[in-house]
Full PDB file with SEQRES, HELIX, SHEET, SSBOND, CRYST1, ORIGX, SCALE, CONECT and MASTER records, all heavy atoms in Angstrom:
SEQRES   1 A   36  TYR LEU GLN SER LEU ILE ILE PHE HIS LEU PHE GLY GLY          
SEQRES   2 A   36  ILE LEU LEU PHE LEU ILE LEU ARG TYR GLN ASN LEU LEU          
SEQRES   3 A   36  PRO MET ASN SER LEU LYS LEU VAL GLY MET                      
HELIX    1 AA1 LEU A    2  ARG A   21  1                                  20    
HELIX    2 AA2 GLN A   23  LEU A   25  5                                   3    
CRYST1    1.000    1.000    1.000  90.00  90.00  90.00 P 1           1          
ORIGX1      1.000000  0.000000  0.000000        0.00000                         
ORIGX2      0.000000  1.000000  0.000000        0.00000                         
ORIGX3      0.000000  0.000000  1.000000        0.00000                         
SCALE1      1.000000  0.000000  0.000000        0.00000                         
SCALE2      0.000000  1.000000  0.000000        0.00000                         
SCALE3      0.000000  0.000000  1.000000        0.00000                         
ATOM      1  N   TYR A   1      33.419   7.782   6.640  1.00  0.00           N  
ATOM      2  CA  TYR A   1      33.456   6.502   6.069  1.00  0.00           C  
ATOM      3  C   TYR A   1      32.514   5.541   6.821  1.00  0.00           C  
ATOM      4  O   TYR A   1      31.654   4.866   6.155  1.00  0.00           O  
ATOM      5  CB  TYR A   1      34.913   5.935   6.227  1.00  0.00           C  
ATOM      6  CG  TYR A   1      35.097   4.677   5.533  1.00  0.00           C  
ATOM      7  CD1 TYR A   1      35.545   4.578   4.213  1.00  0.00           C  
ATOM      8  CD2 TYR A   1      34.931   3.469   6.246  1.00  0.00           C  
ATOM      9  CE1 TYR A   1      35.788   3.327   3.585  1.00  0.00           C  
ATOM     10  CE2 TYR A   1      35.213   2.165   5.571  1.00  0.00           C  
ATOM     11  CZ  TYR A   1      35.561   2.154   4.289  1.00  0.00           C  
ATOM     12  OH  TYR A   1      35.822   0.955   3.745  1.00  0.00           O  
ATOM     13  N   LEU A   2      32.517   5.642   8.093  1.00  0.00           N  
ATOM     14  CA  LEU A   2      31.575   4.746   8.913  1.00  0.00           C  
ATOM     15  C   LEU A   2      30.145   5.169   8.585  1.00  0.00           C  
ATOM     16  O   LEU A   2      29.244   4.313   8.649  1.00  0.00           O  
ATOM     17  CB  LEU A   2      31.854   4.867  10.374  1.00  0.00           C  
ATOM     18  CG  LEU A   2      33.184   4.208  10.814  1.00  0.00           C  
ATOM     19  CD1 LEU A   2      33.478   4.449  12.286  1.00  0.00           C  
ATOM     20  CD2 LEU A   2      33.196   2.661  10.574  1.00  0.00           C  
ATOM     21  N   GLN A   3      29.883   6.460   8.477  1.00  0.00           N  
ATOM     22  CA  GLN A   3      28.425   6.912   8.126  1.00  0.00           C  
ATOM     23  C   GLN A   3      28.042   6.255   6.841  1.00  0.00           C  
ATOM     24  O   GLN A   3      26.904   5.810   6.725  1.00  0.00           O  
ATOM     25  CB  GLN A   3      28.463   8.455   8.142  1.00  0.00           C  
ATOM     26  CG  GLN A   3      27.117   8.942   7.988  1.00  0.00           C  
ATOM     27  CD  GLN A   3      27.144  10.489   7.888  1.00  0.00           C  
ATOM     28  OE1 GLN A   3      28.084  11.153   7.362  1.00  0.00           O  
ATOM     29  NE2 GLN A   3      26.041  11.117   8.344  1.00  0.00           N  
ATOM     30  N   SER A   4      28.850   6.292   5.783  1.00  0.00           N  
ATOM     31  CA  SER A   4      28.482   5.797   4.512  1.00  0.00           C  
ATOM     32  C   SER A   4      28.328   4.225   4.680  1.00  0.00           C  
ATOM     33  O   SER A   4      27.290   3.713   4.130  1.00  0.00           O  
ATOM     34  CB  SER A   4      29.609   6.037   3.464  1.00  0.00           C  
ATOM     35  OG  SER A   4      29.778   7.472   3.220  1.00  0.00           O  
ATOM     36  N   LEU A   5      29.101   3.610   5.418  1.00  0.00           N  
ATOM     37  CA  LEU A   5      28.962   2.178   5.611  1.00  0.00           C  
ATOM     38  C   LEU A   5      27.687   1.786   6.237  1.00  0.00           C  
ATOM     39  O   LEU A   5      26.961   0.816   5.874  1.00  0.00           O  
ATOM     40  CB  LEU A   5      30.149   1.674   6.345  1.00  0.00           C  
ATOM     41  CG  LEU A   5      30.302   0.213   6.600  1.00  0.00           C  
ATOM     42  CD1 LEU A   5      31.795  -0.259   6.747  1.00  0.00           C  
ATOM     43  CD2 LEU A   5      29.768  -0.281   7.970  1.00  0.00           C  
ATOM     44  N   ILE A   6      27.277   2.576   7.293  1.00  0.00           N  
ATOM     45  CA  ILE A   6      26.028   2.282   8.079  1.00  0.00           C  
ATOM     46  C   ILE A   6      24.837   2.527   7.170  1.00  0.00           C  
ATOM     47  O   ILE A   6      23.830   1.737   7.066  1.00  0.00           O  
ATOM     48  CB  ILE A   6      25.992   3.050   9.347  1.00  0.00           C  
ATOM     49  CG1 ILE A   6      27.023   2.576  10.358  1.00  0.00           C  
ATOM     50  CG2 ILE A   6      24.635   3.002  10.002  1.00  0.00           C  
ATOM     51  CD1 ILE A   6      27.348   3.477  11.510  1.00  0.00           C  
ATOM     52  N   ILE A   7      24.818   3.689   6.388  1.00  0.00           N  
ATOM     53  CA  ILE A   7      23.741   3.980   5.584  1.00  0.00           C  
ATOM     54  C   ILE A   7      23.505   2.810   4.475  1.00  0.00           C  
ATOM     55  O   ILE A   7      22.377   2.466   4.190  1.00  0.00           O  
ATOM     56  CB  ILE A   7      23.923   5.398   4.851  1.00  0.00           C  
ATOM     57  CG1 ILE A   7      23.737   6.483   5.879  1.00  0.00           C  
ATOM     58  CG2 ILE A   7      23.023   5.541   3.739  1.00  0.00           C  
ATOM     59  CD1 ILE A   7      24.252   7.842   5.341  1.00  0.00           C  
ATOM     60  N   PHE A   8      24.629   2.474   3.971  1.00  0.00           N  
ATOM     61  CA  PHE A   8      24.554   1.340   2.947  1.00  0.00           C  
ATOM     62  C   PHE A   8      23.975   0.153   3.505  1.00  0.00           C  
ATOM     63  O   PHE A   8      23.129  -0.598   2.866  1.00  0.00           O  
ATOM     64  CB  PHE A   8      26.014   1.038   2.433  1.00  0.00           C  
ATOM     65  CG  PHE A   8      26.092  -0.208   1.514  1.00  0.00           C  
ATOM     66  CD1 PHE A   8      25.609  -0.119   0.233  1.00  0.00           C  
ATOM     67  CD2 PHE A   8      26.565  -1.394   2.015  1.00  0.00           C  
ATOM     68  CE1 PHE A   8      25.702  -1.274  -0.585  1.00  0.00           C  
ATOM     69  CE2 PHE A   8      26.725  -2.520   1.209  1.00  0.00           C  
ATOM     70  CZ  PHE A   8      26.218  -2.431  -0.021  1.00  0.00           C  
ATOM     71  N   HIS A   9      24.372  -0.293   4.724  1.00  0.00           N  
ATOM     72  CA  HIS A   9      23.793  -1.489   5.287  1.00  0.00           C  
ATOM     73  C   HIS A   9      22.332  -1.409   5.805  1.00  0.00           C  
ATOM     74  O   HIS A   9      21.595  -2.304   5.676  1.00  0.00           O  
ATOM     75  CB  HIS A   9      24.662  -1.939   6.531  1.00  0.00           C  
ATOM     76  CG  HIS A   9      25.939  -2.593   6.105  1.00  0.00           C  
ATOM     77  ND1 HIS A   9      27.162  -1.874   5.910  1.00  0.00           N  
ATOM     78  CD2 HIS A   9      26.280  -3.903   5.828  1.00  0.00           C  
ATOM     79  CE1 HIS A   9      28.093  -2.687   5.561  1.00  0.00           C  
ATOM     80  NE2 HIS A   9      27.617  -3.972   5.547  1.00  0.00           N  
ATOM     81  N   LEU A  10      21.854  -0.218   6.189  1.00  0.00           N  
ATOM     82  CA  LEU A  10      20.511   0.027   6.564  1.00  0.00           C  
ATOM     83  C   LEU A  10      19.664  -0.081   5.312  1.00  0.00           C  
ATOM     84  O   LEU A  10      18.602  -0.849   5.349  1.00  0.00           O  
ATOM     85  CB  LEU A  10      20.371   1.443   7.127  1.00  0.00           C  
ATOM     86  CG  LEU A  10      20.843   1.505   8.622  1.00  0.00           C  
ATOM     87  CD1 LEU A  10      20.638   3.034   9.051  1.00  0.00           C  
ATOM     88  CD2 LEU A  10      19.901   0.616   9.480  1.00  0.00           C  
ATOM     89  N   PHE A  11      20.080   0.454   4.235  1.00  0.00           N  
ATOM     90  CA  PHE A  11      19.251   0.376   3.009  1.00  0.00           C  
ATOM     91  C   PHE A  11      19.196  -1.071   2.478  1.00  0.00           C  
ATOM     92  O   PHE A  11      18.166  -1.618   2.186  1.00  0.00           O  
ATOM     93  CB  PHE A  11      19.840   1.288   1.884  1.00  0.00           C  
ATOM     94  CG  PHE A  11      19.158   1.125   0.550  1.00  0.00           C  
ATOM     95  CD1 PHE A  11      17.955   1.839   0.350  1.00  0.00           C  
ATOM     96  CD2 PHE A  11      19.695   0.400  -0.459  1.00  0.00           C  
ATOM     97  CE1 PHE A  11      17.308   1.732  -0.809  1.00  0.00           C  
ATOM     98  CE2 PHE A  11      19.027   0.349  -1.620  1.00  0.00           C  
ATOM     99  CZ  PHE A  11      17.783   1.054  -1.904  1.00  0.00           C  
ATOM    100  N   GLY A  12      20.427  -1.710   2.391  1.00  0.00           N  
ATOM    101  CA  GLY A  12      20.354  -3.067   1.945  1.00  0.00           C  
ATOM    102  C   GLY A  12      19.606  -4.104   2.820  1.00  0.00           C  
ATOM    103  O   GLY A  12      18.878  -4.959   2.358  1.00  0.00           O  
ATOM    104  N   GLY A  13      19.671  -3.860   4.140  1.00  0.00           N  
ATOM    105  CA  GLY A  13      19.040  -4.669   5.103  1.00  0.00           C  
ATOM    106  C   GLY A  13      17.504  -4.500   5.001  1.00  0.00           C  
ATOM    107  O   GLY A  13      16.776  -5.577   5.107  1.00  0.00           O  
ATOM    108  N   ILE A  14      17.024  -3.339   4.943  1.00  0.00           N  
ATOM    109  CA  ILE A  14      15.573  -3.148   4.769  1.00  0.00           C  
ATOM    110  C   ILE A  14      14.989  -3.778   3.551  1.00  0.00           C  
ATOM    111  O   ILE A  14      13.987  -4.479   3.545  1.00  0.00           O  
ATOM    112  CB  ILE A  14      15.192  -1.670   4.727  1.00  0.00           C  
ATOM    113  CG1 ILE A  14      15.499  -1.060   6.138  1.00  0.00           C  
ATOM    114  CG2 ILE A  14      13.806  -1.350   4.441  1.00  0.00           C  
ATOM    115  CD1 ILE A  14      15.464   0.510   6.149  1.00  0.00           C  
ATOM    116  N   LEU A  15      15.793  -3.713   2.479  1.00  0.00           N  
ATOM    117  CA  LEU A  15      15.368  -4.336   1.144  1.00  0.00           C  
ATOM    118  C   LEU A  15      15.327  -5.818   1.276  1.00  0.00           C  
ATOM    119  O   LEU A  15      14.289  -6.481   0.851  1.00  0.00           O  
ATOM    120  CB  LEU A  15      16.256  -3.885   0.000  1.00  0.00           C  
ATOM    121  CG  LEU A  15      15.976  -4.475  -1.355  1.00  0.00           C  
ATOM    122  CD1 LEU A  15      14.561  -3.975  -1.877  1.00  0.00           C  
ATOM    123  CD2 LEU A  15      17.041  -3.981  -2.380  1.00  0.00           C  
ATOM    124  N   LEU A  16      16.326  -6.353   1.862  1.00  0.00           N  
ATOM    125  CA  LEU A  16      16.386  -7.886   1.982  1.00  0.00           C  
ATOM    126  C   LEU A  16      15.339  -8.342   3.006  1.00  0.00           C  
ATOM    127  O   LEU A  16      14.695  -9.437   2.666  1.00  0.00           O  
ATOM    128  CB  LEU A  16      17.734  -8.236   2.550  1.00  0.00           C  
ATOM    129  CG  LEU A  16      17.969  -9.788   2.723  1.00  0.00           C  
ATOM    130  CD1 LEU A  16      17.662 -10.576   1.511  1.00  0.00           C  
ATOM    131  CD2 LEU A  16      19.403 -10.002   3.245  1.00  0.00           C  
ATOM    132  N   PHE A  17      15.096  -7.666   4.038  1.00  0.00           N  
ATOM    133  CA  PHE A  17      14.031  -7.983   4.997  1.00  0.00           C  
ATOM    134  C   PHE A  17      12.732  -8.067   4.273  1.00  0.00           C  
ATOM    135  O   PHE A  17      11.911  -8.998   4.525  1.00  0.00           O  
ATOM    136  CB  PHE A  17      13.940  -7.002   6.137  1.00  0.00           C  
ATOM    137  CG  PHE A  17      12.871  -7.400   7.162  1.00  0.00           C  
ATOM    138  CD1 PHE A  17      13.066  -8.245   8.124  1.00  0.00           C  
ATOM    139  CD2 PHE A  17      11.633  -6.636   7.077  1.00  0.00           C  
ATOM    140  CE1 PHE A  17      11.993  -8.579   9.088  1.00  0.00           C  
ATOM    141  CE2 PHE A  17      10.620  -6.897   7.952  1.00  0.00           C  
ATOM    142  CZ  PHE A  17      10.835  -7.800   8.964  1.00  0.00           C  
ATOM    143  N   LEU A  18      12.331  -7.133   3.546  1.00  0.00           N  
ATOM    144  CA  LEU A  18      11.087  -7.097   2.836  1.00  0.00           C  
ATOM    145  C   LEU A  18      10.874  -8.221   1.734  1.00  0.00           C  
ATOM    146  O   LEU A  18       9.889  -8.797   1.609  1.00  0.00           O  
ATOM    147  CB  LEU A  18      10.868  -5.759   2.117  1.00  0.00           C  
ATOM    148  CG  LEU A  18      10.777  -4.521   2.934  1.00  0.00           C  
ATOM    149  CD1 LEU A  18      10.707  -3.198   2.164  1.00  0.00           C  
ATOM    150  CD2 LEU A  18       9.530  -4.554   3.842  1.00  0.00           C  
ATOM    151  N   ILE A  19      12.025  -8.531   1.052  1.00  0.00           N  
ATOM    152  CA  ILE A  19      12.002  -9.667   0.214  1.00  0.00           C  
ATOM    153  C   ILE A  19      11.783 -10.977   0.882  1.00  0.00           C  
ATOM    154  O   ILE A  19      10.892 -11.768   0.512  1.00  0.00           O  
ATOM    155  CB  ILE A  19      13.334  -9.773  -0.588  1.00  0.00           C  
ATOM    156  CG1 ILE A  19      13.483  -8.570  -1.548  1.00  0.00           C  
ATOM    157  CG2 ILE A  19      13.428 -11.101  -1.440  1.00  0.00           C  
ATOM    158  CD1 ILE A  19      14.825  -8.557  -2.279  1.00  0.00           C  
ATOM    159  N   LEU A  20      12.391 -11.238   1.993  1.00  0.00           N  
ATOM    160  CA  LEU A  20      12.196 -12.543   2.666  1.00  0.00           C  
ATOM    161  C   LEU A  20      10.894 -12.504   3.462  1.00  0.00           C  
ATOM    162  O   LEU A  20      10.204 -13.585   3.421  1.00  0.00           O  
ATOM    163  CB  LEU A  20      13.323 -12.564   3.788  1.00  0.00           C  
ATOM    164  CG  LEU A  20      14.707 -12.661   3.269  1.00  0.00           C  
ATOM    165  CD1 LEU A  20      15.700 -12.699   4.530  1.00  0.00           C  
ATOM    166  CD2 LEU A  20      14.949 -13.843   2.379  1.00  0.00           C  
ATOM    167  N   ARG A  21      10.333 -11.475   3.912  1.00  0.00           N  
ATOM    168  CA  ARG A  21       9.070 -11.335   4.573  1.00  0.00           C  
ATOM    169  C   ARG A  21       7.930 -11.569   3.681  1.00  0.00           C  
ATOM    170  O   ARG A  21       6.937 -12.158   4.053  1.00  0.00           O  
ATOM    171  CB  ARG A  21       8.923 -10.023   5.385  1.00  0.00           C  
ATOM    172  CG  ARG A  21       7.760  -9.921   6.277  1.00  0.00           C  
ATOM    173  CD  ARG A  21       7.985 -10.572   7.603  1.00  0.00           C  
ATOM    174  NE  ARG A  21       6.910 -10.407   8.473  1.00  0.00           N  
ATOM    175  CZ  ARG A  21       5.815 -11.241   8.641  1.00  0.00           C  
ATOM    176  NH1 ARG A  21       5.777 -12.347   7.853  1.00  0.00           N  
ATOM    177  NH2 ARG A  21       4.906 -10.974   9.491  1.00  0.00           N  
ATOM    178  N   TYR A  22       8.053 -10.959   2.478  1.00  0.00           N  
ATOM    179  CA  TYR A  22       6.948 -11.086   1.521  1.00  0.00           C  
ATOM    180  C   TYR A  22       7.237 -11.800   0.222  1.00  0.00           C  
ATOM    181  O   TYR A  22       6.757 -11.461  -0.782  1.00  0.00           O  
ATOM    182  CB  TYR A  22       6.440  -9.656   1.218  1.00  0.00           C  
ATOM    183  CG  TYR A  22       5.982  -8.937   2.498  1.00  0.00           C  
ATOM    184  CD1 TYR A  22       6.813  -7.947   3.076  1.00  0.00           C  
ATOM    185  CD2 TYR A  22       4.781  -9.208   3.107  1.00  0.00           C  
ATOM    186  CE1 TYR A  22       6.515  -7.174   4.222  1.00  0.00           C  
ATOM    187  CE2 TYR A  22       4.429  -8.511   4.279  1.00  0.00           C  
ATOM    188  CZ  TYR A  22       5.306  -7.560   4.839  1.00  0.00           C  
ATOM    189  OH  TYR A  22       4.890  -6.902   5.987  1.00  0.00           O  
ATOM    190  N   GLN A  23       8.035 -12.834   0.367  1.00  0.00           N  
ATOM    191  CA  GLN A  23       8.411 -13.590  -0.852  1.00  0.00           C  
ATOM    192  C   GLN A  23       7.192 -14.256  -1.483  1.00  0.00           C  
ATOM    193  O   GLN A  23       7.296 -14.601  -2.682  1.00  0.00           O  
ATOM    194  CB  GLN A  23       9.501 -14.677  -0.520  1.00  0.00           C  
ATOM    195  CG  GLN A  23       9.026 -15.860   0.399  1.00  0.00           C  
ATOM    196  CD  GLN A  23      10.121 -16.803   0.483  1.00  0.00           C  
ATOM    197  OE1 GLN A  23      11.180 -16.813  -0.056  1.00  0.00           O  
ATOM    198  NE2 GLN A  23       9.861 -17.841   1.330  1.00  0.00           N  
ATOM    199  N   ASN A  24       6.175 -14.539  -0.687  1.00  0.00           N  
ATOM    200  CA  ASN A  24       4.915 -15.117  -1.351  1.00  0.00           C  
ATOM    201  C   ASN A  24       4.305 -14.175  -2.352  1.00  0.00           C  
ATOM    202  O   ASN A  24       3.493 -14.696  -3.162  1.00  0.00           O  
ATOM    203  CB  ASN A  24       3.952 -15.474  -0.220  1.00  0.00           C  
ATOM    204  CG  ASN A  24       3.554 -14.352   0.584  1.00  0.00           C  
ATOM    205  OD1 ASN A  24       4.403 -13.669   1.216  1.00  0.00           O  
ATOM    206  ND2 ASN A  24       2.320 -14.003   0.735  1.00  0.00           N  
ATOM    207  N   LEU A  25       4.560 -12.878  -2.271  1.00  0.00           N  
ATOM    208  CA  LEU A  25       3.984 -11.955  -3.253  1.00  0.00           C  
ATOM    209  C   LEU A  25       4.849 -11.686  -4.413  1.00  0.00           C  
ATOM    210  O   LEU A  25       4.483 -11.022  -5.345  1.00  0.00           O  
ATOM    211  CB  LEU A  25       3.690 -10.561  -2.554  1.00  0.00           C  
ATOM    212  CG  LEU A  25       2.760 -10.756  -1.285  1.00  0.00           C  
ATOM    213  CD1 LEU A  25       2.695  -9.304  -0.644  1.00  0.00           C  
ATOM    214  CD2 LEU A  25       1.493 -11.271  -1.622  1.00  0.00           C  
ATOM    215  N   LEU A  26       6.007 -12.296  -4.372  1.00  0.00           N  
ATOM    216  CA  LEU A  26       7.051 -12.018  -5.491  1.00  0.00           C  
ATOM    217  C   LEU A  26       7.204 -13.195  -6.514  1.00  0.00           C  
ATOM    218  O   LEU A  26       6.690 -14.320  -6.173  1.00  0.00           O  
ATOM    219  CB  LEU A  26       8.440 -11.765  -4.739  1.00  0.00           C  
ATOM    220  CG  LEU A  26       8.421 -10.558  -3.772  1.00  0.00           C  
ATOM    221  CD1 LEU A  26       9.752 -10.587  -3.093  1.00  0.00           C  
ATOM    222  CD2 LEU A  26       8.197  -9.288  -4.570  1.00  0.00           C  
ATOM    223  N   PRO A  27       7.783 -13.019  -7.640  1.00  0.00           N  
ATOM    224  CA  PRO A  27       7.774 -14.019  -8.685  1.00  0.00           C  
ATOM    225  C   PRO A  27       8.820 -15.106  -8.324  1.00  0.00           C  
ATOM    226  O   PRO A  27       9.547 -15.023  -7.306  1.00  0.00           O  
ATOM    227  CB  PRO A  27       8.179 -13.156  -9.933  1.00  0.00           C  
ATOM    228  CG  PRO A  27       8.933 -12.013  -9.367  1.00  0.00           C  
ATOM    229  CD  PRO A  27       8.249 -11.663  -8.077  1.00  0.00           C  
ATOM    230  N   MET A  28       8.951 -16.060  -9.196  1.00  0.00           N  
ATOM    231  CA  MET A  28       9.954 -17.178  -9.166  1.00  0.00           C  
ATOM    232  C   MET A  28       9.774 -17.959  -7.854  1.00  0.00           C  
ATOM    233  O   MET A  28      10.717 -18.191  -7.170  1.00  0.00           O  
ATOM    234  CB  MET A  28      11.303 -16.680  -9.305  1.00  0.00           C  
ATOM    235  CG  MET A  28      11.622 -15.968 -10.593  1.00  0.00           C  
ATOM    236  SD  MET A  28      13.252 -15.161 -10.767  1.00  0.00           S  
ATOM    237  CE  MET A  28      14.247 -16.564 -10.674  1.00  0.00           C  
ATOM    238  N   ASN A  29       8.558 -18.292  -7.586  1.00  0.00           N  
ATOM    239  CA  ASN A  29       8.213 -19.076  -6.264  1.00  0.00           C  
ATOM    240  C   ASN A  29       7.404 -20.245  -6.705  1.00  0.00           C  
ATOM    241  O   ASN A  29       6.133 -20.365  -6.347  1.00  0.00           O  
ATOM    242  CB  ASN A  29       7.532 -18.073  -5.292  1.00  0.00           C  
ATOM    243  CG  ASN A  29       7.189 -18.808  -4.017  1.00  0.00           C  
ATOM    244  OD1 ASN A  29       7.657 -19.867  -3.692  1.00  0.00           O  
ATOM    245  ND2 ASN A  29       6.382 -18.084  -3.183  1.00  0.00           N  
ATOM    246  N   SER A  30       8.016 -21.248  -7.393  1.00  0.00           N  
ATOM    247  CA  SER A  30       7.240 -22.333  -7.992  1.00  0.00           C  
ATOM    248  C   SER A  30       6.729 -23.355  -6.851  1.00  0.00           C  
ATOM    249  O   SER A  30       5.705 -23.963  -7.179  1.00  0.00           O  
ATOM    250  CB  SER A  30       8.189 -23.195  -8.863  1.00  0.00           C  
ATOM    251  OG  SER A  30       9.368 -23.486  -8.219  1.00  0.00           O  
ATOM    252  N   LEU A  31       7.289 -23.287  -5.697  1.00  0.00           N  
ATOM    253  CA  LEU A  31       6.853 -24.116  -4.544  1.00  0.00           C  
ATOM    254  C   LEU A  31       5.759 -23.467  -3.706  1.00  0.00           C  
ATOM    255  O   LEU A  31       5.309 -23.997  -2.746  1.00  0.00           O  
ATOM    256  CB  LEU A  31       8.038 -24.535  -3.729  1.00  0.00           C  
ATOM    257  CG  LEU A  31       9.051 -25.457  -4.321  1.00  0.00           C  
ATOM    258  CD1 LEU A  31      10.182 -25.855  -3.404  1.00  0.00           C  
ATOM    259  CD2 LEU A  31       8.375 -26.756  -4.863  1.00  0.00           C  
ATOM    260  N   LYS A  32       5.418 -22.203  -4.138  1.00  0.00           N  
ATOM    261  CA  LYS A  32       4.411 -21.442  -3.424  1.00  0.00           C  
ATOM    262  C   LYS A  32       4.748 -21.330  -1.885  1.00  0.00           C  
ATOM    263  O   LYS A  32       3.929 -21.503  -1.017  1.00  0.00           O  
ATOM    264  CB  LYS A  32       3.000 -22.095  -3.568  1.00  0.00           C  
ATOM    265  CG  LYS A  32       2.554 -22.460  -4.985  1.00  0.00           C  
ATOM    266  CD  LYS A  32       2.490 -21.176  -5.797  1.00  0.00           C  
ATOM    267  CE  LYS A  32       2.084 -21.492  -7.237  1.00  0.00           C  
ATOM    268  NZ  LYS A  32       2.084 -20.312  -8.103  1.00  0.00           N  
ATOM    269  N   LEU A  33       5.902 -20.905  -1.609  1.00  0.00           N  
ATOM    270  CA  LEU A  33       6.444 -20.764  -0.268  1.00  0.00           C  
ATOM    271  C   LEU A  33       5.918 -19.449   0.350  1.00  0.00           C  
ATOM    272  O   LEU A  33       5.812 -18.462  -0.330  1.00  0.00           O  
ATOM    273  CB  LEU A  33       7.968 -20.755  -0.333  1.00  0.00           C  
ATOM    274  CG  LEU A  33       8.675 -22.079  -0.800  1.00  0.00           C  
ATOM    275  CD1 LEU A  33      10.168 -21.910  -0.901  1.00  0.00           C  
ATOM    276  CD2 LEU A  33       8.418 -23.224  -0.020  1.00  0.00           C  
ATOM    277  N   VAL A  34       5.648 -19.548   1.650  1.00  0.00           N  
ATOM    278  CA  VAL A  34       5.120 -18.336   2.307  1.00  0.00           C  
ATOM    279  C   VAL A  34       6.355 -17.510   2.756  1.00  0.00           C  
ATOM    280  O   VAL A  34       7.538 -17.956   2.710  1.00  0.00           O  
ATOM    281  CB  VAL A  34       4.300 -18.778   3.573  1.00  0.00           C  
ATOM    282  CG1 VAL A  34       3.062 -19.577   3.142  1.00  0.00           C  
ATOM    283  CG2 VAL A  34       5.194 -19.560   4.487  1.00  0.00           C  
ATOM    284  N   GLY A  35       6.092 -16.299   3.227  1.00  0.00           N  
ATOM    285  CA  GLY A  35       7.122 -15.387   3.661  1.00  0.00           C  
ATOM    286  C   GLY A  35       7.593 -15.929   5.053  1.00  0.00           C  
ATOM    287  O   GLY A  35       6.898 -16.513   5.790  1.00  0.00           O  
ATOM    288  N   MET A  36       8.735 -15.498   5.409  1.00  0.00           N  
ATOM    289  CA  MET A  36       9.398 -15.850   6.709  1.00  0.00           C  
ATOM    290  C   MET A  36       8.732 -15.075   7.808  1.00  0.00           C  
ATOM    291  O   MET A  36       8.199 -13.971   7.671  1.00  0.00           O  
ATOM    292  CB  MET A  36      10.849 -15.491   6.714  1.00  0.00           C  
ATOM    293  CG  MET A  36      11.819 -16.444   5.945  1.00  0.00           C  
ATOM    294  SD  MET A  36      13.555 -15.981   6.299  1.00  0.00           S  
ATOM    295  CE  MET A  36      14.311 -17.434   5.554  1.00  0.00           C  
TER     296      MET A  36                                                      
MASTER        0    0    0    2    0    0    0    6  295    1    0    3          
END                                                                             
């Protein structure tokens, strides 16, 4: 159970980090904000 929980959070965390870091390359950014 803990193994599944950790794998799930690792995958979700990596995806969210990439979105925040490179949001300037992604759509729906009307204020032209840079990545974190």
